[in-house]
Amino acid sequence: MKIIVAIAFILIIASLGSALVFLMKDKGQSSRTMKALAMRVGFSITLFVLILLANHYGLIQPTGLPYLSSPR
C-alpha cells in the first residue's frame, strides 16, 4: 500500500511540474496546462478514494497523533 501511495504522489508532482512547463512554454496559447492540472486533480481524488477504501478494508490502520492524545 505504501508503494501505491508513493507512486500516486510522484504522479501528482509530475503532473504539476508538467503543467508549469506547459505554462511557461505555451504562454497560455494552448490547453495543455489545463489538461495537466485536470490530471493532477484526478490523481489527487483517486489517491483520496484509495486511502479511504484501504482504511475501510483494513489495509491501513489509523495511528492518530500521539502528541494530541496525551494529557500535558
Foldseek 3Di string as FASTA:
>chain_A
DVVVLVVLVVLLVVLQVVLVVCCVVVVPVDCSNVVSVVVSVVSVVVSVVVVVVCPVVVVDDDDDDVVVPDDD
